[in-house]
Amino acid sequence: MRCVIARYPFDLTKSGVLDSMKGVTPEPVIGESVTIGRRRYPVKQVGEVVTRQDRRDFSGGEVTRAMARLGFTCHPAPGAEPASPAPAATPVEAASALLGGTVGTPQEL
């Protein structure tokens, strides 16, 4: 598969990535990561090994997109999961907010 990382084209294959990462010890995962084989690597480490470029030359998103297209499982940064949505306002609270009033319970007003 042809992809562009740090403005340079690369022809990557799943087997080629597996061979490149063979014997590489994973660094501690702090941000985005990708599972290759049975190990979980930071995407910047994978990008550096596969492209032989400095990690500062490319973004984690570029490597994540390439690895996902090759069929590897990519993981977001720990704690980056979306938070639960805020509870919905009641109709009275929504109307009060639209009219410029303060939102609160009658005891607070």
C-alpha atoms as a PDB file:
ATOM      1  CA  MET A   1       0.000   0.000   0.000  1.00  0.00           C
ATOM      2  CA  ARG A   2       1.354   3.402  -0.898  1.00  0.00           C
ATOM      3  CA  CYS A   3       1.115   6.089   1.762  1.00  0.00           C
ATOM      4  CA  VAL A   4       2.696   9.463   2.466  1.00  0.00           C
ATOM      5  CA  ILE A   5       4.362  10.065   5.821  1.00  0.00           C
ATOM      6  CA  ALA A   6       6.228  13.315   6.458  1.00  0.00           C
ATOM      7  CA  ARG A   7       5.766  14.304   2.794  1.00  0.00           C
ATOM      8  CA  TYR A   8       7.624  11.186   1.570  1.00  0.00           C
ATOM      9  CA  PRO A   9       5.894   8.296  -0.222  1.00  0.00           C
ATOM     10  CA  PHE A  10       6.295   4.789   1.191  1.00  0.00           C
ATOM     11  CA  ASP A  11       5.164   1.401  -0.087  1.00  0.00           C
ATOM     12  CA  LEU A  12       4.175  -0.417   3.087  1.00  0.00           C
ATOM     13  CA  THR A  13       2.901  -3.966   3.476  1.00  0.00           C
ATOM     14  CA  LYS A  14       1.582  -5.666   6.557  1.00  0.00           C
ATOM     15  CA  SER A  15       4.299  -8.318   6.408  1.00  0.00           C
ATOM     16  CA  GLY A  16       6.958  -5.633   5.906  1.00  0.00           C
ATOM     17  CA  VAL A  17       5.819  -3.778   9.027  1.00  0.00           C
ATOM     18  CA  LEU A  18       5.769  -7.054  10.998  1.00  0.00           C
ATOM     19  CA  ASP A  19       9.326  -7.817   9.858  1.00  0.00           C
ATOM     20  CA  SER A  20      10.524  -4.294  10.696  1.00  0.00           C
ATOM     21  CA  MET A  21       9.090  -4.428  14.209  1.00  0.00           C
ATOM     22  CA  LYS A  22      10.356  -7.938  14.932  1.00  0.00           C
ATOM     23  CA  GLY A  23      12.768  -7.809  17.865  1.00  0.00           C
ATOM     24  CA  VAL A  24      11.942  -4.175  18.732  1.00  0.00           C
ATOM     25  CA  THR A  25      11.114  -3.673  22.407  1.00  0.00           C
ATOM     26  CA  PRO A  26       8.019  -1.478  22.875  1.00  0.00           C
ATOM     27  CA  GLU A  27       8.486   1.820  24.679  1.00  0.00           C
ATOM     28  CA  PRO A  28       5.959   2.792  27.377  1.00  0.00           C
ATOM     29  CA  VAL A  29       2.666   3.836  25.784  1.00  0.00           C
ATOM     30  CA  ILE A  30       1.708   7.393  26.678  1.00  0.00           C
ATOM     31  CA  GLY A  31      -0.246   8.567  23.635  1.00  0.00           C
ATOM     32  CA  GLU A  32      -1.733   6.823  20.603  1.00  0.00           C
ATOM     33  CA  SER A  33      -0.633   3.235  20.073  1.00  0.00           C
ATOM     34  CA  VAL A  34      -0.879   0.368  17.589  1.00  0.00           C
ATOM     35  CA  THR A  35      -0.948  -3.364  18.183  1.00  0.00           C
ATOM     36  CA  ILE A  36       1.553  -5.220  16.006  1.00  0.00           C
ATOM     37  CA  GLY A  37       1.663  -8.937  16.595  1.00  0.00           C
ATOM     38  CA  ARG A  38       1.086  -9.391  20.302  1.00  0.00           C
ATOM     39  CA  ARG A  39       2.731  -6.138  21.342  1.00  0.00           C
ATOM     40  CA  ARG A  40       1.436  -2.606  21.680  1.00  0.00           C
ATOM     41  CA  TYR A  41       3.776   0.116  20.405  1.00  0.00           C
ATOM     42  CA  PRO A  42       3.516   3.920  20.471  1.00  0.00           C
ATOM     43  CA  VAL A  43       2.714   5.111  16.941  1.00  0.00           C
ATOM     44  CA  LYS A  44       5.730   7.436  16.874  1.00  0.00           C
ATOM     45  CA  GLN A  45       8.045   4.484  17.598  1.00  0.00           C
ATOM     46  CA  VAL A  46       6.453   2.465  14.789  1.00  0.00           C
ATOM     47  CA  GLY A  47       6.761   5.409  12.392  1.00  0.00           C
ATOM     48  CA  GLU A  48      10.414   5.882  13.265  1.00  0.00           C
ATOM     49  CA  VAL A  49      11.285   2.203  12.760  1.00  0.00           C
ATOM     50  CA  VAL A  50       9.278   1.720   9.572  1.00  0.00           C
ATOM     51  CA  THR A  51      10.251   4.983   7.816  1.00  0.00           C
ATOM     52  CA  ARG A  52      13.738   5.446   9.351  1.00  0.00           C
ATOM     53  CA  GLN A  53      12.907   9.115   9.913  1.00  0.00           C
ATOM     54  CA  ASP A  54      13.090  11.222  13.024  1.00  0.00           C
ATOM     55  CA  ARG A  55       9.840  11.200  15.041  1.00  0.00           C
ATOM     56  CA  ARG A  56       9.654  14.971  14.913  1.00  0.00           C
ATOM     57  CA  ASP A  57       9.239  14.832  11.123  1.00  0.00           C
ATOM     58  CA  PHE A  58       5.783  13.221  11.136  1.00  0.00           C
ATOM     59  CA  SER A  59       2.601  13.231  13.170  1.00  0.00           C
ATOM     60  CA  GLY A  60       1.086  10.312  15.012  1.00  0.00           C
ATOM     61  CA  GLY A  61      -2.048  10.685  12.902  1.00  0.00           C
ATOM     62  CA  GLU A  62      -0.145   9.947   9.693  1.00  0.00           C
ATOM     63  CA  VAL A  63       1.205   6.683  11.097  1.00  0.00           C
ATOM     64  CA  THR A  64      -2.132   5.768  12.694  1.00  0.00           C
ATOM     65  CA  ARG A  65      -3.953   6.164   9.364  1.00  0.00           C
ATOM     66  CA  ALA A  66      -1.346   4.077   7.542  1.00  0.00           C
ATOM     67  CA  MET A  67      -1.392   1.287  10.151  1.00  0.00           C
ATOM     68  CA  ALA A  68      -5.197   1.223  10.216  1.00  0.00           C
ATOM     69  CA  ARG A  69      -5.297   0.917   6.415  1.00  0.00           C
ATOM     70  CA  LEU A  70      -2.878  -2.019   6.665  1.00  0.00           C
ATOM     71  CA  GLY A  71      -5.229  -3.743   9.108  1.00  0.00           C
ATOM     72  CA  PHE A  72      -3.471  -3.165  12.425  1.00  0.00           C
ATOM     73  CA  THR A  73      -5.492  -2.264  15.513  1.00  0.00           C
ATOM     74  CA  CYS A  74      -4.938   1.344  16.548  1.00  0.00           C
ATOM     75  CA  HIS A  75      -5.756   2.715  19.994  1.00  0.00           C
ATOM     76  CA  PRO A  76      -6.402   6.327  21.076  1.00  0.00           C
ATOM     77  CA  ALA A  77      -4.357   7.955  23.808  1.00  0.00           C
ATOM     78  CA  PRO A  78      -5.250   6.781  27.319  1.00  0.00           C
ATOM     79  CA  GLY A  79      -7.910   9.048  28.722  1.00  0.00           C
ATOM     80  CA  ALA A  80      -8.828  10.378  25.280  1.00  0.00           C
ATOM     81  CA  GLU A  81     -12.125   8.508  25.183  1.00  0.00           C
ATOM     82  CA  PRO A  82     -15.028  10.929  24.860  1.00  0.00           C
ATOM     83  CA  ALA A  83     -16.625  11.907  28.142  1.00  0.00           C
ATOM     84  CA  SER A  84     -20.252  11.096  28.815  1.00  0.00           C
ATOM     85  CA  PRO A  85     -22.615  13.790  27.545  1.00  0.00           C
ATOM     86  CA  ALA A  86     -23.960  16.383  29.957  1.00  0.00           C
ATOM     87  CA  PRO A  87     -27.483  15.737  31.201  1.00  0.00           C
ATOM     88  CA  ALA A  88     -30.162  17.358  29.072  1.00  0.00           C
ATOM     89  CA  ALA A  89     -31.856  20.466  30.395  1.00  0.00           C
ATOM     90  CA  THR A  90     -35.529  20.299  31.263  1.00  0.00           C
ATOM     91  CA  PRO A  91     -37.907  22.234  29.019  1.00  0.00           C
ATOM     92  CA  VAL A  92     -38.272  24.952  31.668  1.00  0.00           C
ATOM     93  CA  GLU A  93     -34.478  25.340  31.977  1.00  0.00           C
ATOM     94  CA  ALA A  94     -34.092  25.482  28.177  1.00  0.00           C
ATOM     95  CA  ALA A  95     -36.794  28.157  27.864  1.00  0.00           C
ATOM     96  CA  SER A  96     -35.280  30.174  30.702  1.00  0.00           C
ATOM     97  CA  ALA A  97     -31.858  30.055  29.064  1.00  0.00           C
ATOM     98  CA  LEU A  98     -33.310  31.191  25.719  1.00  0.00           C
ATOM     99  CA  LEU A  99     -34.982  34.162  27.432  1.00  0.00           C
ATOM    100  CA  GLY A 100     -31.727  35.139  29.117  1.00  0.00           C
ATOM    101  CA  GLY A 101     -32.720  34.030  32.566  1.00  0.00           C
ATOM    102  CA  THR A 102     -30.596  32.173  35.013  1.00  0.00           C
ATOM    103  CA  VAL A 103     -30.752  28.424  35.075  1.00  0.00           C
ATOM    104  CA  GLY A 104     -31.315  26.861  38.473  1.00  0.00           C
ATOM    105  CA  THR A 105     -33.825  25.300  40.753  1.00  0.00           C
ATOM    106  CA  PRO A 106     -36.452  27.441  42.506  1.00  0.00           C
ATOM    107  CA  GLN A 107     -34.587  26.956  45.811  1.00  0.00           C
ATOM    108  CA  GLU A 108     -31.438  28.515  44.264  1.00  0.00           C
ATOM    109  CA  LEU A 109     -33.348  31.561  42.933  1.00  0.00           C
END
